[in-house]
Amino acid sequence: MTNWNLIRGVEGKFSAQDIRRNILSYIIQNHPASLIQSIEKESSTYRIGLRGENSLVFDWKGQFVGLDR
């Protein structure tokens, strides 16, 4: 199980709160009317499934990487 309060990454420690804030900010700005259907944590990415749309892919810091069609 992941400790969502503190995560160690390649570049040191960072807060899971920062990751969530980055992802949430991106979705609010770029997909304001979308509903989140799923959230998957993979080895080096987060995949956010939007209902009726493509999934959004974010890196381990919560920065947008691209779409998963």
PDB file of N, CA and C in Angstrom:
ATOM      1  N   MET A   1       0.847  -1.181   0.000  1.00  0.00           N
ATOM      2  CA  MET A   1       0.000   0.000   0.000  1.00  0.00           C
ATOM      3  C   MET A   1       0.890   1.241   0.000  1.00  0.00           C
ATOM      4  N   THR A   2       0.484   2.244  -0.717  1.00  0.00           N
ATOM      5  CA  THR A   2       1.252   3.473  -0.845  1.00  0.00           C
ATOM      6  C   THR A   2       0.927   4.434   0.288  1.00  0.00           C
ATOM      7  N   ASN A   3       1.952   5.064   0.837  1.00  0.00           N
ATOM      8  CA  ASN A   3       1.750   6.151   1.773  1.00  0.00           C
ATOM      9  C   ASN A   3       1.529   7.402   0.938  1.00  0.00           C
ATOM     10  N   TRP A   4       0.306   7.874   0.860  1.00  0.00           N
ATOM     11  CA  TRP A   4      -0.026   8.990  -0.023  1.00  0.00           C
ATOM     12  C   TRP A   4       0.400  10.333   0.536  1.00  0.00           C
ATOM     13  N   ASN A   5       0.940  10.355   1.736  1.00  0.00           N
ATOM     14  CA  ASN A   5       1.383  11.623   2.315  1.00  0.00           C
ATOM     15  C   ASN A   5       2.802  11.988   1.901  1.00  0.00           C
ATOM     16  N   LEU A   6       3.643  10.993   1.666  1.00  0.00           N
ATOM     17  CA  LEU A   6       5.020  11.275   1.284  1.00  0.00           C
ATOM     18  C   LEU A   6       5.505  10.177   0.355  1.00  0.00           C
ATOM     19  N   ILE A   7       6.011  10.551  -0.793  1.00  0.00           N
ATOM     20  CA  ILE A   7       6.471   9.602  -1.791  1.00  0.00           C
ATOM     21  C   ILE A   7       7.915   9.946  -2.126  1.00  0.00           C
ATOM     22  N   ARG A   8       8.757   8.939  -2.236  1.00  0.00           N
ATOM     23  CA  ARG A   8      10.139   9.160  -2.654  1.00  0.00           C
ATOM     24  C   ARG A   8      10.221   8.916  -4.151  1.00  0.00           C
ATOM     25  N   GLY A   9      10.817   9.840  -4.863  1.00  0.00           N
ATOM     26  CA  GLY A   9      10.984   9.713  -6.296  1.00  0.00           C
ATOM     27  C   GLY A   9      12.450   9.827  -6.667  1.00  0.00           C
ATOM     28  N   VAL A  10      12.724   9.788  -7.936  1.00  0.00           N
ATOM     29  CA  VAL A  10      14.089   9.870  -8.435  1.00  0.00           C
ATOM     30  C   VAL A  10      14.762  11.156  -7.980  1.00  0.00           C
ATOM     31  N   GLU A  11      14.015  12.225  -7.943  1.00  0.00           N
ATOM     32  CA  GLU A  11      14.572  13.527  -7.577  1.00  0.00           C
ATOM     33  C   GLU A  11      14.351  13.865  -6.108  1.00  0.00           C
ATOM     34  N   GLY A  12      14.129  12.883  -5.273  1.00  0.00           N
ATOM     35  CA  GLY A  12      13.949  13.132  -3.846  1.00  0.00           C
ATOM     36  C   GLY A  12      12.504  12.989  -3.416  1.00  0.00           C
ATOM     37  N   LYS A  13      12.216  13.513  -2.243  1.00  0.00           N
ATOM     38  CA  LYS A  13      10.876  13.402  -1.670  1.00  0.00           C
ATOM     39  C   LYS A  13       9.951  14.466  -2.232  1.00  0.00           C
ATOM     40  N   PHE A  14       8.705  14.098  -2.402  1.00  0.00           N
ATOM     41  CA  PHE A  14       7.704  15.075  -2.777  1.00  0.00           C
ATOM     42  C   PHE A  14       6.374  14.644  -2.195  1.00  0.00           C
ATOM     43  N   SER A  15       5.489  15.551  -2.037  1.00  0.00           N
ATOM     44  CA  SER A  15       4.211  15.310  -1.392  1.00  0.00           C
ATOM     45  C   SER A  15       3.175  14.808  -2.379  1.00  0.00           C
ATOM     46  N   ALA A  16       2.411  13.807  -1.954  1.00  0.00           N
ATOM     47  CA  ALA A  16       1.309  13.330  -2.779  1.00  0.00           C
ATOM     48  C   ALA A  16       0.265  14.425  -2.948  1.00  0.00           C
ATOM     49  N   GLN A  17       0.175  15.320  -1.984  1.00  0.00           N
ATOM     50  CA  GLN A  17      -0.755  16.444  -2.092  1.00  0.00           C
ATOM     51  C   GLN A  17      -0.392  17.319  -3.289  1.00  0.00           C
ATOM     52  N   ASP A  18       0.902  17.507  -3.539  1.00  0.00           N
ATOM     53  CA  ASP A  18       1.336  18.287  -4.700  1.00  0.00           C
ATOM     54  C   ASP A  18       0.940  17.595  -5.996  1.00  0.00           C
ATOM     55  N   ILE A  19       1.067  16.280  -6.028  1.00  0.00           N
ATOM     56  CA  ILE A  19       0.677  15.523  -7.223  1.00  0.00           C
ATOM     57  C   ILE A  19      -0.811  15.704  -7.466  1.00  0.00           C
ATOM     58  N   ARG A  20      -1.614  15.486  -6.451  1.00  0.00           N
ATOM     59  CA  ARG A  20      -3.065  15.623  -6.603  1.00  0.00           C
ATOM     60  C   ARG A  20      -3.436  17.040  -7.022  1.00  0.00           C
ATOM     61  N   ARG A  21      -2.770  18.039  -6.453  1.00  0.00           N
ATOM     62  CA  ARG A  21      -3.056  19.434  -6.798  1.00  0.00           C
ATOM     63  C   ARG A  21      -2.744  19.692  -8.273  1.00  0.00           C
ATOM     64  N   ASN A  22      -1.607  19.194  -8.758  1.00  0.00           N
ATOM     65  CA  ASN A  22      -1.233  19.381 -10.160  1.00  0.00           C
ATOM     66  C   ASN A  22      -2.238  18.715 -11.092  1.00  0.00           C
ATOM     67  N   ILE A  23      -2.611  17.490 -10.781  1.00  0.00           N
ATOM     68  CA  ILE A  23      -3.561  16.764 -11.630  1.00  0.00           C
ATOM     69  C   ILE A  23      -4.919  17.446 -11.602  1.00  0.00           C
ATOM     70  N   LEU A  24      -5.396  17.777 -10.428  1.00  0.00           N
ATOM     71  CA  LEU A  24      -6.701  18.425 -10.303  1.00  0.00           C
ATOM     72  C   LEU A  24      -6.725  19.772 -11.023  1.00  0.00           C
ATOM     73  N   SER A  25      -5.674  20.561 -10.883  1.00  0.00           N
ATOM     74  CA  SER A  25      -5.609  21.856 -11.565  1.00  0.00           C
ATOM     75  C   SER A  25      -5.675  21.690 -13.075  1.00  0.00           C
ATOM     76  N   TYR A  26      -4.943  20.695 -13.599  1.00  0.00           N
ATOM     77  CA  TYR A  26      -4.955  20.454 -15.042  1.00  0.00           C
ATOM     78  C   TYR A  26      -6.363  20.081 -15.512  1.00  0.00           C
ATOM     79  N   ILE A  27      -7.020  19.186 -14.791  1.00  0.00           N
ATOM     80  CA  ILE A  27      -8.359  18.742 -15.196  1.00  0.00           C
ATOM     81  C   ILE A  27      -9.355  19.893 -15.123  1.00  0.00           C
ATOM     82  N   ILE A  28      -9.301  20.697 -14.079  1.00  0.00           N
ATOM     83  CA  ILE A  28     -10.218  21.830 -13.943  1.00  0.00           C
ATOM     84  C   ILE A  28     -10.024  22.826 -15.076  1.00  0.00           C
ATOM     85  N   GLN A  29      -8.776  23.105 -15.450  1.00  0.00           N
ATOM     86  CA  GLN A  29      -8.499  24.081 -16.504  1.00  0.00           C
ATOM     87  C   GLN A  29      -8.817  23.544 -17.900  1.00  0.00           C
ATOM     88  N   ASN A  30      -8.518  22.270 -18.155  1.00  0.00           N
ATOM     89  CA  ASN A  30      -8.605  21.738 -19.513  1.00  0.00           C
ATOM     90  C   ASN A  30      -9.803  20.840 -19.783  1.00  0.00           C
ATOM     91  N   HIS A  31     -10.441  20.334 -18.749  1.00  0.00           N
ATOM     92  CA  HIS A  31     -11.597  19.445 -18.907  1.00  0.00           C
ATOM     93  C   HIS A  31     -12.628  19.767 -17.824  1.00  0.00           C
ATOM     94  N   PRO A  32     -13.105  21.005 -17.735  1.00  0.00           N
ATOM     95  CA  PRO A  32     -13.948  21.431 -16.612  1.00  0.00           C
ATOM     96  C   PRO A  32     -15.293  20.717 -16.522  1.00  0.00           C
ATOM     97  N   ALA A  33     -15.824  20.239 -17.623  1.00  0.00           N
ATOM     98  CA  ALA A  33     -17.132  19.586 -17.591  1.00  0.00           C
ATOM     99  C   ALA A  33     -17.031  18.067 -17.520  1.00  0.00           C
ATOM    100  N   SER A  34     -15.819  17.534 -17.407  1.00  0.00           N
ATOM    101  CA  SER A  34     -15.613  16.088 -17.415  1.00  0.00           C
ATOM    102  C   SER A  34     -15.762  15.488 -16.021  1.00  0.00           C
ATOM    103  N   LEU A  35     -16.195  14.229 -16.011  1.00  0.00           N
ATOM    104  CA  LEU A  35     -16.286  13.479 -14.766  1.00  0.00           C
ATOM    105  C   LEU A  35     -15.178  12.432 -14.749  1.00  0.00           C
ATOM    106  N   ILE A  36     -14.503  12.311 -13.620  1.00  0.00           N
ATOM    107  CA  ILE A  36     -13.450  11.306 -13.490  1.00  0.00           C
ATOM    108  C   ILE A  36     -14.112   9.952 -13.246  1.00  0.00           C
ATOM    109  N   GLN A  37     -13.760   9.000 -14.077  1.00  0.00           N
ATOM    110  CA  GLN A  37     -14.324   7.654 -13.973  1.00  0.00           C
ATOM    111  C   GLN A  37     -13.379   6.710 -13.232  1.00  0.00           C
ATOM    112  N   SER A  38     -12.069   6.888 -13.429  1.00  0.00           N
ATOM    113  CA  SER A  38     -11.112   5.998 -12.767  1.00  0.00           C
ATOM    114  C   SER A  38      -9.776   6.694 -12.594  1.00  0.00           C
ATOM    115  N   ILE A  39      -9.022   6.222 -11.605  1.00  0.00           N
ATOM    116  CA  ILE A  39      -7.667   6.693 -11.366  1.00  0.00           C
ATOM    117  C   ILE A  39      -6.807   5.458 -11.156  1.00  0.00           C
ATOM    118  N   GLU A  40      -5.769   5.315 -11.968  1.00  0.00           N
ATOM    119  CA  GLU A  40      -4.874   4.173 -11.858  1.00  0.00           C
ATOM    120  C   GLU A  40      -3.458   4.662 -11.617  1.00  0.00           C
ATOM    121  N   LYS A  41      -2.794   4.073 -10.645  1.00  0.00           N
ATOM    122  CA  LYS A  41      -1.380   4.364 -10.392  1.00  0.00           C
ATOM    123  C   LYS A  41      -0.590   3.230 -11.014  1.00  0.00           C
ATOM    124  N   GLU A  42       0.229   3.555 -11.983  1.00  0.00           N
ATOM    125  CA  GLU A  42       1.071   2.560 -12.626  1.00  0.00           C
ATOM    126  C   GLU A  42       2.501   2.776 -12.153  1.00  0.00           C
ATOM    127  N   SER A  43       3.448   2.040 -12.681  1.00  0.00           N
ATOM    128  CA  SER A  43       4.819   2.097 -12.167  1.00  0.00           C
ATOM    129  C   SER A  43       5.426   3.494 -12.201  1.00  0.00           C
ATOM    130  N   SER A  44       5.175   4.254 -13.260  1.00  0.00           N
ATOM    131  CA  SER A  44       5.771   5.590 -13.338  1.00  0.00           C
ATOM    132  C   SER A  44       4.775   6.657 -13.776  1.00  0.00           C
ATOM    133  N   THR A  45       3.508   6.307 -13.836  1.00  0.00           N
ATOM    134  CA  THR A  45       2.500   7.266 -14.289  1.00  0.00           C
ATOM    135  C   THR A  45       1.196   7.117 -13.510  1.00  0.00           C
ATOM    136  N   TYR A  46       0.367   8.138 -13.635  1.00  0.00           N
ATOM    137  CA  TYR A  46      -1.007   8.100 -13.164  1.00  0.00           C
ATOM    138  C   TYR A  46      -1.878   8.183 -14.404  1.00  0.00           C
ATOM    139  N   ARG A  47      -2.898   7.335 -14.493  1.00  0.00           N
ATOM    140  CA  ARG A  47      -3.810   7.340 -15.620  1.00  0.00           C
ATOM    141  C   ARG A  47      -5.193   7.708 -15.074  1.00  0.00           C
ATOM    142  N   ILE A  48      -5.723   8.839 -15.547  1.00  0.00           N
ATOM    143  CA  ILE A  48      -7.019   9.338 -15.092  1.00  0.00           C
ATOM    144  C   ILE A  48      -8.025   9.119 -16.213  1.00  0.00           C
ATOM    145  N   GLY A  49      -8.981   8.241 -15.963  1.00  0.00           N
ATOM    146  CA  GLY A  49     -10.015   7.960 -16.961  1.00  0.00           C
ATOM    147  C   GLY A  49     -11.161   8.946 -16.830  1.00  0.00           C
ATOM    148  N   LEU A  50     -11.454   9.648 -17.897  1.00  0.00           N
ATOM    149  CA  LEU A  50     -12.575  10.581 -17.913  1.00  0.00           C
ATOM    150  C   LEU A  50     -13.756   9.909 -18.589  1.00  0.00           C
ATOM    151  N   ARG A  51     -14.932  10.061 -18.019  1.00  0.00           N
ATOM    152  CA  ARG A  51     -16.126   9.419 -18.547  1.00  0.00           C
ATOM    153  C   ARG A  51     -16.414   9.917 -19.960  1.00  0.00           C
ATOM    154  N   GLY A  52     -16.467   8.973 -20.911  1.00  0.00           N
ATOM    155  CA  GLY A  52     -16.785   9.295 -22.294  1.00  0.00           C
ATOM    156  C   GLY A  52     -15.652   9.938 -23.073  1.00  0.00           C
ATOM    157  N   GLU A  53     -14.454   9.992 -22.497  1.00  0.00           N
ATOM    158  CA  GLU A  53     -13.313  10.628 -23.153  1.00  0.00           C
ATOM    159  C   GLU A  53     -12.084   9.734 -23.025  1.00  0.00           C
ATOM    160  N   ASN A  54     -10.987  10.171 -23.627  1.00  0.00           N
ATOM    161  CA  ASN A  54      -9.723   9.466 -23.491  1.00  0.00           C
ATOM    162  C   ASN A  54      -9.198   9.604 -22.070  1.00  0.00           C
ATOM    163  N   SER A  55      -8.291   8.713 -21.700  1.00  0.00           N
ATOM    164  CA  SER A  55      -7.636   8.818 -20.396  1.00  0.00           C
ATOM    165  C   SER A  55      -6.500   9.829 -20.476  1.00  0.00           C
ATOM    166  N   LEU A  56      -6.288  10.541 -19.380  1.00  0.00           N
ATOM    167  CA  LEU A  56      -5.181  11.486 -19.271  1.00  0.00           C
ATOM    168  C   LEU A  56      -4.034  10.780 -18.557  1.00  0.00           C
ATOM    169  N   VAL A  57      -2.821  10.994 -19.027  1.00  0.00           N
ATOM    170  CA  VAL A  57      -1.657  10.369 -18.419  1.00  0.00           C
ATOM    171  C   VAL A  57      -0.776  11.465 -17.813  1.00  0.00           C
ATOM    172  N   PHE A  58      -0.386  11.259 -16.544  1.00  0.00           N
ATOM    173  CA  PHE A  58       0.462  12.195 -15.818  1.00  0.00           C
ATOM    174  C   PHE A  58       1.697  11.454 -15.316  1.00  0.00           C
ATOM    175  N   ASP A  59       2.822  12.160 -15.217  1.00  0.00           N
ATOM    176  CA  ASP A  59       4.030  11.530 -14.700  1.00  0.00           C
ATOM    177  C   ASP A  59       3.949  11.443 -13.178  1.00  0.00           C
ATOM    178  N   TRP A  60       5.001  10.923 -12.541  1.00  0.00           N
ATOM    179  CA  TRP A  60       5.015  10.698 -11.094  1.00  0.00           C
ATOM    180  C   TRP A  60       5.003  11.981 -10.280  1.00  0.00           C
ATOM    181  N   LYS A  61       5.190  13.135 -10.942  1.00  0.00           N
ATOM    182  CA  LYS A  61       5.092  14.424 -10.254  1.00  0.00           C
ATOM    183  C   LYS A  61       3.729  15.087 -10.472  1.00  0.00           C
ATOM    184  N   GLY A  62       2.882  14.458 -11.271  1.00  0.00           N
ATOM    185  CA  GLY A  62       1.573  15.022 -11.539  1.00  0.00           C
ATOM    186  C   GLY A  62       1.539  15.957 -12.728  1.00  0.00           C
ATOM    187  N   GLN A  63       2.571  15.931 -13.566  1.00  0.00           N
ATOM    188  CA  GLN A  63       2.615  16.774 -14.763  1.00  0.00           C
ATOM    189  C   GLN A  63       1.987  16.013 -15.937  1.00  0.00           C
ATOM    190  N   PHE A  64       1.167  16.687 -16.714  1.00  0.00           N
ATOM    191  CA  PHE A  64       0.491  16.063 -17.860  1.00  0.00           C
ATOM    192  C   PHE A  64       1.515  15.573 -18.873  1.00  0.00           C
ATOM    193  N   VAL A  65       1.339  14.310 -19.322  1.00  0.00           N
ATOM    194  CA  VAL A  65       2.237  13.699 -20.301  1.00  0.00           C
ATOM    195  C   VAL A  65       1.548  13.567 -21.653  1.00  0.00           C
ATOM    196  N   GLY A  66       0.291  13.151 -21.646  1.00  0.00           N
ATOM    197  CA  GLY A  66      -0.425  12.978 -22.907  1.00  0.00           C
ATOM    198  C   GLY A  66      -1.741  12.241 -22.704  1.00  0.00           C
ATOM    199  N   LEU A  67      -2.359  11.910 -23.839  1.00  0.00           N
ATOM    200  CA  LEU A  67      -3.624  11.177 -23.836  1.00  0.00           C
ATOM    201  C   LEU A  67      -3.380   9.709 -24.140  1.00  0.00           C
ATOM    202  N   ASP A  68      -4.177   8.860 -23.534  1.00  0.00           N
ATOM    203  CA  ASP A  68      -4.154   7.443 -23.847  1.00  0.00           C
ATOM    204  C   ASP A  68      -5.456   7.143 -24.562  1.00  0.00           C
ATOM    205  N   ARG A  69      -5.361   6.934 -25.831  1.00  0.00           N
ATOM    206  CA  ARG A  69      -6.561   6.739 -26.655  1.00  0.00           C
ATOM    207  C   ARG A  69      -7.004   5.306 -26.671  1.00  0.00           C
TER     208      ARG A  69
END
